Amino acid sequence: MLAAEILERLVAFPTVVGTPNTALMDHVAQYLTQHGARVTRIVGPEGDRENLFATIGDPSVPGYILSGHVDVVPAQEPGWLADPFVLRRAGDRLIGRGACDMKGFDAAVLAAVPALAAMALTAPVHIALSYDEEAGCRGVPHLLARLPELCAAPLGCIVGEPSGLEPVLAHKGKAALRLVARGVTGHSSRPDLGHNAIHALTPALAAAVRLATDLAGGPRDARFAPDHSTVQVGTVAGGQALNIIPGHAEACIEARAIPGVDPTQILAPLSALDGIEADWLSDYPALALDADHPLAALVAGISGHAPRQAVSYGTEAGLFQKAGVPSIVCGPGDIARAHKPEEYLTEAELAGATEMVLALGRQLC
């Protein structure tokens, strides 16, 4: 089956982050099983979402993981010209939600499966598909916890996020925190009889702003823009009406950290503030692969592109690295198209990704 046909089918499953993905995984598992892959499905604690891990070749031999996520961001922007979950062609563009981020890579990997299955592989190729990456990489940790029983310690992992098929050696880590203040409602004419939750939250917001200012002073890593860790308050909500004392207020705050800095430690002071409830939403570590690591040379060879030092966005590669698997980012498309209406991947980019996967197989023969 052509990669574009597989992509068309994957896009048709509206696997928006935080929603069930069983139907898509049924489809993928059936396809992989038909081609002789060993398939394990790992249901998350939510019960309606799952990861999938498949192996082509001998799982007792160290091999390589091709990793992608199957969830997509919502597609409610008014800029879509047609149904975002029906792949359509415009010239060489394949347009649909997730076409670039990152069902295109998933489709390229799946399209290569029949050829990989026919190769005399001396080391296996594993396929790891995860859920809820767009919510802060919530799904893949459940897969990684099972990895030692699924295969021998892998030699490396290629995470196929959009990078123009340029191997990426590093990205920042991220942590997200929700802070909640609770008050006592009442009429605004008698603030002395209530407790204003928004007022109670403002010290936490001020502390977050101070953190952001302090981080601008370093430490620094010149591979990134900006070259330091960052903090931002992303959302603030609270109150019902101007003449009602707000009884609830909350803010969501994120930290993005350069390699060597733990993003959860950046936000830790905010999570310990008196009178504020803290709820960790997600976190994943930074990625840092040495430029002289064999995985960097391998992926440069099969992709046809020299490694890029770093990108600003985050991926699941940091979690694979933390689990002991050397990791790199390399996938088709441009991250600038992600999370936007009329998201697309070109047919040439899709073909290039498929060829990269086949080149990996040839390297292992």
Protein backbone atom coordinates (compact mmCIF):
# COMPACT_ATOMS: atom_id res chain seq x y z
CA MET A 1 0.00 0.00 0.00
CA LEU A 2 1.32 3.44 -0.89
CA ALA A 3 2.28 5.78 1.94
CA ALA A 4 -0.26 8.38 0.77
CA GLU A 5 -3.07 5.81 1.00
CA ILE A 6 -1.99 4.87 4.51
CA LEU A 7 -1.82 8.55 5.49
CA GLU A 8 -5.33 9.07 4.11
CA ARG A 9 -6.61 6.29 6.35
CA LEU A 10 -4.75 7.54 9.43
CA VAL A 11 -6.00 11.11 9.01
CA ALA A 12 -9.57 9.77 8.80
CA PHE A 13 -9.33 8.67 12.43
CA PRO A 14 -10.01 11.87 14.44
CA THR A 15 -7.60 10.99 17.23
CA VAL A 16 -7.61 14.40 18.89
CA VAL A 17 -5.42 14.54 21.97
CA GLY A 18 -7.28 13.38 25.06
CA THR A 19 -9.78 11.26 23.12
CA PRO A 20 -9.96 7.50 22.36
CA ASN A 21 -7.64 6.03 19.74
CA THR A 22 -8.66 2.34 19.82
CA ALA A 23 -10.13 2.32 16.31
CA LEU A 24 -6.91 3.63 14.79
CA MET A 25 -4.81 1.16 16.78
CA ASP A 26 -7.10 -1.70 15.69
CA HIS A 27 -6.43 -0.74 12.08
CA VAL A 28 -2.67 -0.42 12.54
CA ALA A 29 -2.36 -3.65 14.57
CA GLN A 30 -4.23 -5.61 11.92
CA TYR A 31 -2.02 -4.23 9.17
CA LEU A 32 1.19 -4.99 11.06
CA THR A 33 0.09 -8.49 12.02
CA GLN A 34 -0.74 -9.25 8.39
CA HIS A 35 2.89 -8.54 7.56
CA GLY A 36 4.29 -10.74 10.30
CA ALA A 37 5.16 -8.12 12.92
CA ARG A 38 4.96 -8.95 16.61
CA VAL A 39 2.45 -6.47 18.05
CA THR A 40 1.88 -5.46 21.67
CA ARG A 41 -0.80 -2.96 22.66
CA ILE A 42 -0.33 -1.09 25.92
CA VAL A 43 -3.49 0.48 27.29
CA GLY A 44 -2.99 3.60 29.37
CA PRO A 45 -4.63 4.26 32.74
CA GLU A 46 -7.35 6.26 30.98
CA GLY A 47 -8.68 2.98 29.58
CA ASP A 48 -9.67 4.35 26.17
CA ARG A 49 -6.21 5.20 24.80
CA GLU A 50 -3.24 3.01 24.09
CA ASN A 51 0.30 2.77 22.84
CA LEU A 52 1.42 0.17 20.31
CA PHE A 53 4.82 -1.51 20.03
CA ALA A 54 5.68 -3.74 17.09
CA THR A 55 8.81 -5.61 16.07
CA ILE A 56 10.02 -6.77 12.67
CA GLY A 57 12.88 -9.19 13.19
CA ASP A 58 14.32 -10.87 16.29
CA PRO A 59 13.37 -8.92 19.46
CA SER A 60 16.19 -10.59 21.43
CA VAL A 61 18.77 -8.75 19.31
CA PRO A 62 19.42 -5.02 19.92
CA GLY A 63 17.80 -2.95 17.17
CA TYR A 64 16.29 0.44 16.41
CA ILE A 65 12.98 2.07 17.31
CA LEU A 66 10.98 4.25 14.94
CA SER A 67 8.75 6.37 17.15
CA GLY A 68 5.69 8.45 16.39
CA HIS A 69 2.53 9.64 18.10
CA VAL A 70 -0.96 9.16 16.70
CA ASP A 71 -2.77 11.97 18.50
CA VAL A 72 -3.34 15.34 16.87
CA VAL A 73 -4.32 18.79 18.10
CA PRO A 74 -7.95 19.92 17.62
CA ALA A 75 -8.94 21.22 14.19
CA GLN A 76 -11.45 23.93 14.98
CA GLU A 77 -9.66 26.85 13.32
CA PRO A 78 -11.78 28.75 10.78
CA GLY A 79 -8.99 28.63 8.19
CA TRP A 80 -9.68 25.07 7.08
CA LEU A 81 -11.04 24.96 3.53
CA ALA A 82 -12.56 21.47 3.93
CA ASP A 83 -13.01 18.69 6.47
CA PRO A 84 -9.61 18.46 8.23
CA PHE A 85 -10.08 14.72 8.81
CA VAL A 86 -10.46 13.94 5.11
CA LEU A 87 -7.05 14.01 3.42
CA ARG A 88 -7.12 15.96 0.19
CA ARG A 89 -4.58 16.85 -2.47
CA ALA A 90 -3.72 20.30 -3.76
CA GLY A 91 -0.84 20.05 -6.19
CA ASP A 92 1.83 18.07 -4.37
CA ARG A 93 0.36 18.87 -0.95
CA LEU A 94 -1.42 16.27 1.18
CA ILE A 95 -3.64 18.36 3.45
CA GLY A 96 -5.25 17.23 6.69
CA ARG A 97 -4.97 17.43 10.44
CA GLY A 98 -1.90 15.48 11.50
CA ALA A 99 -0.52 15.12 7.96
CA CYS A 100 2.68 16.84 9.09
CA ASP A 101 2.52 16.41 12.88
CA MET A 102 2.97 13.53 12.73
CA LYS A 103 0.86 10.94 10.97
CA GLY A 104 2.96 11.50 7.87
CA PHE A 105 5.95 9.85 9.54
CA ASP A 106 3.69 7.10 10.90
CA ALA A 107 2.40 6.44 7.38
CA ALA A 108 5.92 6.37 5.94
CA VAL A 109 6.99 3.78 8.52
CA LEU A 110 3.93 1.62 7.90
CA ALA A 111 4.37 1.84 4.13
CA ALA A 112 7.89 0.43 4.53
CA VAL A 113 6.75 -2.54 6.63
CA PRO A 114 6.18 -5.05 3.79
CA ALA A 115 9.66 -4.40 2.41
CA LEU A 116 11.25 -4.53 5.87
CA ALA A 117 9.50 -7.84 6.56
CA ALA A 118 11.03 -9.29 3.38
CA MET A 119 14.57 -8.22 4.30
CA ALA A 120 17.11 -10.47 6.02
CA LEU A 121 17.51 -8.11 8.98
CA THR A 122 20.44 -8.79 11.30
CA ALA A 123 18.88 -6.45 13.87
CA PRO A 124 15.20 -5.71 14.37
CA VAL A 125 13.21 -2.61 13.52
CA HIS A 126 10.71 -1.66 16.21
CA ILE A 127 7.72 0.63 15.73
CA ALA A 128 6.48 2.61 18.74
CA LEU A 129 3.21 4.55 18.42
CA SER A 130 2.04 6.60 21.37
CA TYR A 131 -0.96 8.62 22.51
CA ASP A 132 -1.43 12.09 24.03
CA GLU A 133 1.98 13.42 23.03
CA GLU A 134 0.29 16.76 22.41
CA ALA A 135 -0.72 16.89 26.08
CA GLY A 136 2.88 16.79 27.25
CA CYS A 137 3.97 13.26 26.30
CA ARG A 138 1.54 11.56 28.66
CA GLY A 139 1.20 8.26 26.82
CA VAL A 140 4.70 7.07 25.98
CA PRO A 141 5.92 6.64 29.60
CA HIS A 142 3.56 3.66 29.90
CA LEU A 143 5.20 2.11 26.83
CA LEU A 144 8.69 2.82 28.11
CA ALA A 145 7.89 1.11 31.40
CA ARG A 146 7.24 -2.08 29.42
CA LEU A 147 10.20 -1.75 27.05
CA PRO A 148 12.59 -4.17 28.85
CA GLU A 149 10.10 -7.01 28.42
CA LEU A 150 9.36 -6.17 24.79
CA CYS A 151 12.85 -6.22 23.32
CA ALA A 152 16.57 -6.26 23.95
CA ALA A 153 18.04 -2.89 24.90
CA PRO A 154 17.67 -0.84 21.70
CA LEU A 155 20.67 0.66 19.95
CA GLY A 156 18.76 3.85 19.26
CA CYS A 157 15.46 5.56 18.60
CA ILE A 158 14.43 7.85 15.74
CA VAL A 159 11.53 10.11 16.69
CA GLY A 160 9.92 11.27 13.46
CA GLU A 161 8.71 14.75 14.40
CA PRO A 162 8.86 17.24 11.51
CA SER A 163 12.46 18.32 10.97
CA GLY A 164 12.79 18.45 7.19
CA LEU A 165 14.42 15.01 7.50
CA GLU A 166 17.38 16.71 9.17
CA PRO A 167 18.61 14.74 12.20
CA VAL A 168 18.20 16.88 15.34
CA LEU A 169 20.58 16.29 18.22
CA ALA A 170 18.98 18.35 20.99
CA HIS A 171 15.82 20.05 22.20
CA LYS A 172 14.63 21.66 25.40
CA GLY A 173 12.67 19.90 28.12
CA LYS A 174 9.32 21.10 29.42
CA ALA A 175 7.19 21.01 32.55
CA ALA A 176 3.66 22.37 33.00
CA LEU A 177 1.97 23.26 36.27
CA ARG A 178 -1.54 24.36 37.19
CA LEU A 179 -1.87 26.62 40.23
CA VAL A 180 -5.26 27.07 41.89
CA ALA A 181 -6.38 29.58 44.54
CA ARG A 182 -9.72 29.17 46.29
CA GLY A 183 -11.67 31.98 47.92
CA VAL A 184 -15.03 32.83 49.42
CA THR A 185 -17.60 34.46 47.13
CA GLY A 186 -19.84 37.35 48.00
CA HIS A 187 -20.98 40.76 46.83
CA SER A 188 -18.13 43.00 45.75
CA SER A 189 -19.48 45.82 47.91
CA ARG A 190 -18.36 43.83 50.97
CA PRO A 191 -14.92 42.42 50.14
CA ASP A 192 -14.29 42.19 53.88
CA LEU A 193 -16.84 39.34 54.08
CA GLY A 194 -15.28 37.26 51.34
CA HIS A 195 -11.89 36.11 50.14
CA ASN A 196 -10.77 37.09 46.64
CA ALA A 197 -9.20 34.09 44.91
CA ILE A 198 -7.68 36.21 42.12
CA HIS A 199 -5.94 38.39 44.68
CA ALA A 200 -4.69 35.23 46.38
CA LEU A 201 -3.24 33.98 43.08
CA THR A 202 -1.34 37.15 42.20
CA PRO A 203 1.74 36.39 44.36
CA ALA A 204 2.19 33.18 42.39
CA LEU A 205 1.92 35.07 39.10
CA ALA A 206 4.43 37.62 40.30
CA ALA A 207 6.78 34.83 41.34
CA ALA A 208 6.50 33.28 37.88
CA VAL A 209 7.41 36.59 36.26
CA ARG A 210 10.44 36.89 38.55
CA LEU A 211 11.49 33.37 37.61
CA ALA A 212 11.29 34.25 33.92
CA THR A 213 13.46 37.33 34.49
CA ASP A 214 16.02 35.40 36.53
CA LEU A 215 16.32 32.65 33.92
CA ALA A 216 17.23 35.20 31.26
CA GLY A 217 20.50 35.62 33.15
CA GLY A 218 21.57 32.01 32.46
CA PRO A 219 22.77 29.34 32.37
CA ARG A 220 22.99 29.47 28.58
CA ASP A 221 23.24 27.08 25.67
CA ALA A 222 24.05 28.80 22.38
CA ARG A 223 22.39 26.03 20.33
CA PHE A 224 18.95 27.33 21.28
CA ALA A 225 16.86 30.45 20.65
CA PRO A 226 16.46 31.82 23.21
CA ASP A 227 19.71 30.46 24.60
CA HIS A 228 18.38 29.96 28.14
CA SER A 229 15.56 28.25 30.00
CA THR A 230 12.24 30.08 30.07
CA VAL A 231 9.03 30.38 32.09
CA GLN A 232 5.73 31.77 30.94
CA VAL A 233 2.21 32.05 32.33
CA GLY A 234 0.10 30.63 29.54
CA THR A 235 -3.46 30.93 30.85
CA VAL A 236 -5.23 32.68 33.71
CA ALA A 237 -8.89 32.13 34.62
CA GLY A 238 -11.16 33.16 37.46
CA GLY A 239 -14.19 35.08 38.51
CA GLN A 240 -17.82 35.19 37.35
CA ALA A 241 -18.71 38.89 37.18
CA LEU A 242 -17.23 42.20 38.16
CA ASN A 243 -19.51 42.60 41.18
CA ILE A 244 -18.89 39.09 42.57
CA ILE A 245 -15.91 38.26 44.76
CA PRO A 246 -14.15 35.49 42.84
CA GLY A 247 -14.11 32.17 44.64
CA HIS A 248 -11.76 30.40 42.22
CA ALA A 249 -8.74 31.40 40.18
CA GLU A 250 -6.13 29.37 38.37
CA ALA A 251 -3.15 29.75 36.10
CA CYS A 252 -1.22 27.32 33.92
CA ILE A 253 2.52 27.91 33.80
CA GLU A 254 5.22 26.21 31.76
CA ALA A 255 8.98 25.99 31.94
CA ARG A 256 11.18 25.06 28.99
CA ALA A 257 14.67 24.02 30.02
CA ILE A 258 17.98 23.67 28.21
CA PRO A 259 19.76 20.31 28.53
CA GLY A 260 21.21 19.84 31.98
CA VAL A 261 18.38 21.77 33.66
CA ASP A 262 15.34 19.98 35.11
CA PRO A 263 12.18 21.89 34.10
CA THR A 264 10.30 20.55 37.15
CA GLN A 265 12.94 22.04 39.42
CA ILE A 266 12.46 25.43 37.78
CA LEU A 267 8.78 25.40 38.72
CA ALA A 268 9.22 23.67 42.09
CA PRO A 269 9.16 26.95 44.09
CA LEU A 270 5.76 27.78 42.59
CA SER A 271 4.38 24.37 43.49
CA ALA A 272 5.24 24.94 47.16
CA LEU A 273 3.61 28.34 47.69
CA ASP A 274 1.36 28.63 50.75
CA GLY A 275 -2.35 28.77 50.07
CA ILE A 276 -1.99 27.61 46.49
CA GLU A 277 -2.94 24.17 45.16
CA ALA A 278 -0.47 22.78 42.62
CA ASP A 279 -1.17 20.14 39.98
CA TRP A 280 1.58 18.93 37.66
CA LEU A 281 0.14 18.64 34.16
CA SER A 282 3.10 17.13 32.33
CA ASP A 283 6.85 17.05 32.04
CA TYR A 284 9.50 15.64 29.76
CA PRO A 285 13.28 16.06 29.80
CA ALA A 286 15.51 17.75 27.28
CA LEU A 287 17.25 15.77 24.55
CA ALA A 288 21.01 15.89 24.12
CA LEU A 289 22.79 13.45 21.80
CA ASP A 290 26.53 13.85 21.25
CA ALA A 291 27.38 14.80 17.69
CA ASP A 292 29.86 11.93 17.49
CA HIS A 293 27.38 9.28 18.65
CA PRO A 294 26.98 6.42 16.14
CA LEU A 295 23.24 7.11 15.95
CA ALA A 296 23.94 10.60 14.60
CA ALA A 297 26.10 9.20 11.82
CA LEU A 298 23.59 6.45 11.03
CA VAL A 299 20.65 8.82 10.68
CA ALA A 300 22.68 11.34 8.71
CA GLY A 301 23.48 8.55 6.27
CA ILE A 302 19.97 7.20 5.82
CA SER A 303 18.31 10.63 5.70
CA GLY A 304 20.88 12.24 3.41
CA HIS A 305 21.15 15.29 5.67
CA ALA A 306 23.80 16.52 8.08
CA PRO A 307 22.69 16.76 11.74
CA ARG A 308 21.19 19.96 13.08
CA GLN A 309 22.36 20.98 16.52
CA ALA A 310 19.02 21.83 18.14
CA VAL A 311 15.38 22.85 17.77
CA SER A 312 13.12 24.84 20.05
CA TYR A 313 10.17 22.44 20.16
CA GLY A 314 10.04 19.33 22.36
CA THR A 315 9.45 15.66 21.59
CA GLU A 316 9.28 12.23 23.18
CA ALA A 317 12.97 11.71 22.34
CA GLY A 318 14.00 13.08 25.72
CA LEU A 319 11.92 10.41 27.45
CA PHE A 320 13.44 7.62 25.35
CA GLN A 321 16.89 9.01 26.21
CA LYS A 322 16.00 9.10 29.90
CA ALA A 323 14.94 5.45 29.62
CA GLY A 324 18.43 4.58 28.39
CA VAL A 325 17.79 4.59 24.63
CA PRO A 326 20.02 6.92 22.57
CA SER A 327 17.63 9.10 20.61
CA ILE A 328 17.46 11.57 17.77
CA VAL A 329 14.68 13.50 16.01
CA CYS A 330 14.28 13.10 12.25
CA GLY A 331 11.02 13.26 10.33
CA PRO A 332 9.38 14.75 7.23
CA GLY A 333 7.81 18.17 6.97
CA ASP A 334 8.19 21.53 8.66
CA ILE A 335 7.15 22.13 12.27
CA ALA A 336 5.96 25.60 11.21
CA ARG A 337 2.97 23.91 9.51
CA ALA A 338 1.92 22.07 12.66
CA HIS A 339 -1.09 23.13 14.72
CA LYS A 340 -2.35 25.36 11.90
CA PRO A 341 -5.26 25.16 9.46
CA GLU A 342 -4.46 23.57 6.09
CA GLU A 343 -1.64 21.56 7.69
CA TYR A 344 0.12 19.58 4.96
CA LEU A 345 2.94 17.28 3.96
CA THR A 346 4.18 17.11 0.39
CA GLU A 347 4.22 13.85 -1.51
CA ALA A 348 7.98 14.24 -1.96
CA GLU A 349 8.47 14.63 1.80
CA LEU A 350 6.39 11.54 2.45
CA ALA A 351 8.37 9.56 -0.13
CA GLY A 352 11.63 10.80 1.39
CA ALA A 353 10.61 9.57 4.84
CA THR A 354 9.64 6.17 3.45
CA GLU A 355 13.01 5.91 1.72
CA MET A 356 14.77 6.79 4.98
CA VAL A 357 13.04 3.89 6.74
CA LEU A 358 13.91 1.52 3.89
CA ALA A 359 17.52 2.75 4.02
CA LEU A 360 17.61 1.84 7.71
CA GLY A 361 16.45 -1.65 6.81
CA ARG A 362 19.17 -2.00 4.18
CA GLN A 363 21.77 -0.88 6.72
CA LEU A 364 20.64 -3.72 9.01
CA CYS A 365 20.89 -6.44 6.35
